Amino acid sequence: MNSKTFKPMMLALAGAVALAGTGSAHADDPEWALYNGTSTLTNSDVGSITCYLTIGGTITNDGDINVKSVGVKPGDPNCTLLRIGNENWTGTLAGGTLATGTDSTVVYAGGSVITTCGGLVTGITYGPTASGTINTPSSVNVSGAYGTNCSITADLTLVADDR
């Protein structure tokens, strides 16, 4: 398995976690946010893969998170065989975790699945609330498990929101 394809998986997960920390401007209207940065996915089958990750989604005033999109930088040679799915990841700001679903990140090589990651992401921490938002963090950091057979580290920064 190419370790370069596994890294994008980690990045995707980190992005998802970052998205979990966005805030909303109206009580009934979730605020959207977009984060990006570097993440590293680690698994015994592929080693470590580092990619530039972008993640987007919404968070309610109550702190409920819904990650709607996850992607890696187009053309990144480390991430060409990475596939990310199940973009209905959920979590809460208070919980420090994100549920991604099973097999939410898949690493391919030679047309075959090499390994998958999915499940609960742990070790999520949020930076201070971004100026002009209700509870959208200015950054998201991840250092923990990604399901039972992977781990992820990521440092993501807020790059856009609907303030």
C-alpha atoms as a PDB file:
ATOM      1  CA  MET A   1       0.000   0.000   0.000  1.00  0.00           C
ATOM      2  CA  ASN A   2       1.305   3.387  -0.893  1.00  0.00           C
ATOM      3  CA  SER A   3       1.777   5.460   2.230  1.00  0.00           C
ATOM      4  CA  LYS A   4       1.092   8.547   0.182  1.00  0.00           C
ATOM      5  CA  THR A   5      -2.511   7.489  -0.346  1.00  0.00           C
ATOM      6  CA  PHE A   6      -3.092   6.827   3.307  1.00  0.00           C
ATOM      7  CA  LYS A   7      -2.116  10.361   4.293  1.00  0.00           C
ATOM      8  CA  PRO A   8      -5.085  11.931   2.509  1.00  0.00           C
ATOM      9  CA  MET A   9      -7.354   9.763   4.616  1.00  0.00           C
ATOM     10  CA  MET A  10      -5.895  11.284   7.724  1.00  0.00           C
ATOM     11  CA  LEU A  11      -6.285  14.717   6.299  1.00  0.00           C
ATOM     12  CA  ALA A  12      -9.901  14.088   5.518  1.00  0.00           C
ATOM     13  CA  LEU A  13     -10.551  12.982   9.017  1.00  0.00           C
ATOM     14  CA  ALA A  14      -8.795  15.963  10.496  1.00  0.00           C
ATOM     15  CA  GLY A  15     -10.851  18.244   8.325  1.00  0.00           C
ATOM     16  CA  ALA A  16     -14.011  16.606   9.485  1.00  0.00           C
ATOM     17  CA  VAL A  17     -13.026  17.205  13.029  1.00  0.00           C
ATOM     18  CA  ALA A  18     -12.256  20.817  12.271  1.00  0.00           C
ATOM     19  CA  LEU A  19     -15.631  21.262  10.754  1.00  0.00           C
ATOM     20  CA  ALA A  20     -17.211  19.999  13.875  1.00  0.00           C
ATOM     21  CA  GLY A  21     -16.151  23.214  15.547  1.00  0.00           C
ATOM     22  CA  THR A  22     -18.059  25.731  13.400  1.00  0.00           C
ATOM     23  CA  GLY A  23     -20.705  28.066  14.865  1.00  0.00           C
ATOM     24  CA  SER A  24     -24.080  29.480  13.808  1.00  0.00           C
ATOM     25  CA  ALA A  25     -25.295  33.034  13.488  1.00  0.00           C
ATOM     26  CA  HIS A  26     -29.000  32.380  13.980  1.00  0.00           C
ATOM     27  CA  ALA A  27     -30.717  30.131  16.502  1.00  0.00           C
ATOM     28  CA  ASP A  28     -32.406  28.044  13.793  1.00  0.00           C
ATOM     29  CA  ASP A  29     -29.842  28.555  11.041  1.00  0.00           C
ATOM     30  CA  PRO A  30     -26.565  26.612  11.342  1.00  0.00           C
ATOM     31  CA  GLU A  31     -23.377  28.483  10.469  1.00  0.00           C
ATOM     32  CA  TRP A  32     -21.111  26.940   7.836  1.00  0.00           C
ATOM     33  CA  ALA A  33     -17.335  26.909   7.970  1.00  0.00           C
ATOM     34  CA  LEU A  34     -14.416  25.727   5.866  1.00  0.00           C
ATOM     35  CA  TYR A  35     -11.076  24.585   7.305  1.00  0.00           C
ATOM     36  CA  ASN A  36      -7.845  23.435   5.719  1.00  0.00           C
ATOM     37  CA  GLY A  37      -4.380  22.344   6.743  1.00  0.00           C
ATOM     38  CA  THR A  38      -2.129  19.342   6.992  1.00  0.00           C
ATOM     39  CA  SER A  39      -3.103  15.966   8.394  1.00  0.00           C
ATOM     40  CA  THR A  40      -1.375  12.633   8.744  1.00  0.00           C
ATOM     41  CA  LEU A  41      -3.154   9.289   8.671  1.00  0.00           C
ATOM     42  CA  THR A  42      -1.388   6.278  10.160  1.00  0.00           C
ATOM     43  CA  ASN A  43      -2.216   2.591   9.731  1.00  0.00           C
ATOM     44  CA  SER A  44      -0.097  -0.549  10.091  1.00  0.00           C
ATOM     45  CA  ASP A  45      -0.851  -1.600   6.476  1.00  0.00           C
ATOM     46  CA  VAL A  46       0.316   1.636   4.832  1.00  0.00           C
ATOM     47  CA  GLY A  47       2.387   3.502   7.385  1.00  0.00           C
ATOM     48  CA  SER A  48       1.849   7.271   7.489  1.00  0.00           C
ATOM     49  CA  ILE A  49       0.359   9.441   4.747  1.00  0.00           C
ATOM     50  CA  THR A  50       0.416  13.237   4.975  1.00  0.00           C
ATOM     51  CA  CYS A  51      -1.899  15.383   2.815  1.00  0.00           C
ATOM     52  CA  TYR A  52      -3.317  18.875   2.582  1.00  0.00           C
ATOM     53  CA  LEU A  53      -6.946  18.547   3.706  1.00  0.00           C
ATOM     54  CA  THR A  54     -10.026  20.733   3.280  1.00  0.00           C
ATOM     55  CA  ILE A  55     -13.232  20.088   5.222  1.00  0.00           C
ATOM     56  CA  GLY A  56     -16.548  21.926   5.295  1.00  0.00           C
ATOM     57  CA  GLY A  57     -19.831  21.716   7.129  1.00  0.00           C
ATOM     58  CA  THR A  58     -22.128  23.290   9.667  1.00  0.00           C
ATOM     59  CA  ILE A  59     -22.583  23.654  13.406  1.00  0.00           C
ATOM     60  CA  THR A  60     -25.679  24.722  15.296  1.00  0.00           C
ATOM     61  CA  ASN A  61     -25.842  27.152  18.202  1.00  0.00           C
ATOM     62  CA  ASP A  62     -26.159  24.080  20.429  1.00  0.00           C
ATOM     63  CA  GLY A  63     -22.771  22.828  19.156  1.00  0.00           C
ATOM     64  CA  ASP A  64     -24.039  19.991  16.936  1.00  0.00           C
ATOM     65  CA  ILE A  65     -21.647  19.345  14.043  1.00  0.00           C
ATOM     66  CA  ASN A  66     -22.389  18.038  10.551  1.00  0.00           C
ATOM     67  CA  VAL A  67     -19.421  17.561   8.211  1.00  0.00           C
ATOM     68  CA  LYS A  68     -20.711  17.735   4.649  1.00  0.00           C
ATOM     69  CA  SER A  69     -17.584  17.675   2.484  1.00  0.00           C
ATOM     70  CA  VAL A  70     -14.020  16.429   2.818  1.00  0.00           C
ATOM     71  CA  GLY A  71     -11.295  16.547   0.189  1.00  0.00           C
ATOM     72  CA  VAL A  72      -7.584  16.584  -0.447  1.00  0.00           C
ATOM     73  CA  LYS A  73      -5.627  19.047  -2.572  1.00  0.00           C
ATOM     74  CA  PRO A  74      -6.066  18.124  -6.263  1.00  0.00           C
ATOM     75  CA  GLY A  75      -2.890  16.784  -7.796  1.00  0.00           C
ATOM     76  CA  ASP A  76      -1.200  16.096  -4.464  1.00  0.00           C
ATOM     77  CA  PRO A  77       1.009  13.096  -5.335  1.00  0.00           C
ATOM     78  CA  ASN A  78       0.686  11.739  -1.782  1.00  0.00           C
ATOM     79  CA  CYS A  79      -3.094  11.558  -2.033  1.00  0.00           C
ATOM     80  CA  THR A  80      -4.002  10.277  -5.503  1.00  0.00           C
ATOM     81  CA  LEU A  81      -5.269   6.863  -4.357  1.00  0.00           C
ATOM     82  CA  LEU A  82      -7.295   8.091  -1.402  1.00  0.00           C
ATOM     83  CA  ARG A  83     -11.079   7.931  -1.472  1.00  0.00           C
ATOM     84  CA  ILE A  84     -13.186   9.637   1.172  1.00  0.00           C
ATOM     85  CA  GLY A  85     -16.885   8.988   1.642  1.00  0.00           C
ATOM     86  CA  ASN A  86     -19.785   9.022   4.054  1.00  0.00           C
ATOM     87  CA  GLU A  87     -19.684  12.810   4.361  1.00  0.00           C
ATOM     88  CA  ASN A  88     -22.460  12.858   6.929  1.00  0.00           C
ATOM     89  CA  TRP A  89     -20.041  12.857   9.845  1.00  0.00           C
ATOM     90  CA  THR A  90     -21.488  14.093  13.141  1.00  0.00           C
ATOM     91  CA  GLY A  91     -20.218  15.283  16.502  1.00  0.00           C
ATOM     92  CA  THR A  92     -20.486  18.020  19.110  1.00  0.00           C
ATOM     93  CA  LEU A  93     -18.184  20.823  20.162  1.00  0.00           C
ATOM     94  CA  ALA A  94     -18.332  19.641  23.765  1.00  0.00           C
ATOM     95  CA  GLY A  95     -17.607  15.982  22.988  1.00  0.00           C
ATOM     96  CA  GLY A  96     -14.155  16.172  21.378  1.00  0.00           C
ATOM     97  CA  THR A  97     -15.107  13.318  19.037  1.00  0.00           C
ATOM     98  CA  LEU A  98     -16.521  12.873  15.526  1.00  0.00           C
ATOM     99  CA  ALA A  99     -18.486   9.862  14.231  1.00  0.00           C
ATOM    100  CA  THR A 100     -17.515   9.132  10.619  1.00  0.00           C
ATOM    101  CA  GLY A 101     -19.225   5.829   9.891  1.00  0.00           C
ATOM    102  CA  THR A 102     -17.459   2.635   8.892  1.00  0.00           C
ATOM    103  CA  ASP A 103     -15.034   2.649   5.992  1.00  0.00           C
ATOM    104  CA  SER A 104     -15.282   6.421   5.570  1.00  0.00           C
ATOM    105  CA  THR A 105     -11.735   6.571   4.187  1.00  0.00           C
ATOM    106  CA  VAL A 106     -10.437   3.983   1.731  1.00  0.00           C
ATOM    107  CA  VAL A 107      -6.911   3.553   0.340  1.00  0.00           C
ATOM    108  CA  TYR A 108      -6.568   1.998  -3.105  1.00  0.00           C
ATOM    109  CA  ALA A 109      -3.575   0.624  -4.999  1.00  0.00           C
ATOM    110  CA  GLY A 110      -3.618  -1.219  -8.297  1.00  0.00           C
ATOM    111  CA  GLY A 111      -7.421  -1.146  -8.387  1.00  0.00           C
ATOM    112  CA  SER A 112      -7.764  -2.926  -5.037  1.00  0.00           C
ATOM    113  CA  VAL A 113      -8.653  -1.748  -1.553  1.00  0.00           C
ATOM    114  CA  ILE A 114      -5.545  -1.807   0.631  1.00  0.00           C
ATOM    115  CA  THR A 115      -7.047  -0.605   3.885  1.00  0.00           C
ATOM    116  CA  THR A 116      -9.951   1.376   5.314  1.00  0.00           C
ATOM    117  CA  CYS A 117     -10.467   3.710   8.240  1.00  0.00           C
ATOM    118  CA  GLY A 118     -13.713   4.732   9.853  1.00  0.00           C
ATOM    119  CA  GLY A 119     -15.594   5.057  13.087  1.00  0.00           C
ATOM    120  CA  LEU A 120     -15.091   7.381  16.009  1.00  0.00           C
ATOM    121  CA  VAL A 121     -12.349  10.026  15.791  1.00  0.00           C
ATOM    122  CA  THR A 122     -10.994  11.050  19.196  1.00  0.00           C
ATOM    123  CA  GLY A 123      -8.570  13.681  20.488  1.00  0.00           C
ATOM    124  CA  ILE A 124     -10.225  16.735  18.925  1.00  0.00           C
ATOM    125  CA  THR A 125      -9.560  20.158  20.427  1.00  0.00           C
ATOM    126  CA  TYR A 126     -10.760  23.556  19.256  1.00  0.00           C
ATOM    127  CA  GLY A 127      -9.062  26.935  19.176  1.00  0.00           C
ATOM    128  CA  PRO A 128     -10.672  30.170  20.376  1.00  0.00           C
ATOM    129  CA  THR A 129     -13.943  31.308  18.816  1.00  0.00           C
ATOM    130  CA  ALA A 130     -13.379  33.235  15.585  1.00  0.00           C
ATOM    131  CA  SER A 131     -14.220  36.929  15.665  1.00  0.00           C
ATOM    132  CA  GLY A 132     -17.759  37.691  14.524  1.00  0.00           C
ATOM    133  CA  THR A 133     -19.079  34.155  14.999  1.00  0.00           C
ATOM    134  CA  ILE A 134     -21.261  32.572  17.673  1.00  0.00           C
ATOM    135  CA  ASN A 135     -19.154  29.472  18.373  1.00  0.00           C
ATOM    136  CA  THR A 136     -17.015  28.777  15.287  1.00  0.00           C
ATOM    137  CA  PRO A 137     -13.468  27.864  16.333  1.00  0.00           C
ATOM    138  CA  SER A 138     -10.597  29.614  14.583  1.00  0.00           C
ATOM    139  CA  SER A 139      -8.745  26.289  14.426  1.00  0.00           C
ATOM    140  CA  VAL A 140      -9.179  22.557  14.976  1.00  0.00           C
ATOM    141  CA  ASN A 141      -6.480  20.146  16.128  1.00  0.00           C
ATOM    142  CA  VAL A 142      -6.729  16.370  16.091  1.00  0.00           C
ATOM    143  CA  SER A 143      -4.442  13.811  17.670  1.00  0.00           C
ATOM    144  CA  GLY A 144      -6.130  10.499  18.330  1.00  0.00           C
ATOM    145  CA  ALA A 145      -7.736   7.320  17.092  1.00  0.00           C
ATOM    146  CA  TYR A 146      -9.690   7.083  13.832  1.00  0.00           C
ATOM    147  CA  GLY A 147     -11.773   3.993  14.497  1.00  0.00           C
ATOM    148  CA  THR A 148      -9.999   0.861  15.655  1.00  0.00           C
ATOM    149  CA  ASN A 149      -7.186   0.472  13.104  1.00  0.00           C
ATOM    150  CA  CYS A 150      -6.055   4.016  12.239  1.00  0.00           C
ATOM    151  CA  SER A 151      -4.907   7.202  13.929  1.00  0.00           C
ATOM    152  CA  ILE A 152      -4.840  10.792  12.764  1.00  0.00           C
ATOM    153  CA  THR A 153      -3.130  14.052  13.558  1.00  0.00           C
ATOM    154  CA  ALA A 154      -4.166  17.354  11.968  1.00  0.00           C
ATOM    155  CA  ASP A 155      -3.792  21.092  12.354  1.00  0.00           C
ATOM    156  CA  LEU A 156      -6.609  22.891  10.523  1.00  0.00           C
ATOM    157  CA  THR A 157      -7.313  26.618  10.260  1.00  0.00           C
ATOM    158  CA  LEU A 158     -10.621  28.362   9.555  1.00  0.00           C
ATOM    159  CA  VAL A 159     -10.397  29.838   6.033  1.00  0.00           C
ATOM    160  CA  ALA A 160     -14.047  30.800   5.354  1.00  0.00           C
ATOM    161  CA  ASP A 161     -17.348  31.103   7.210  1.00  0.00           C
ATOM    162  CA  ASP A 162     -20.706  32.834   6.761  1.00  0.00           C
ATOM    163  CA  ARG A 163     -20.165  35.734   9.162  1.00  0.00           C
END
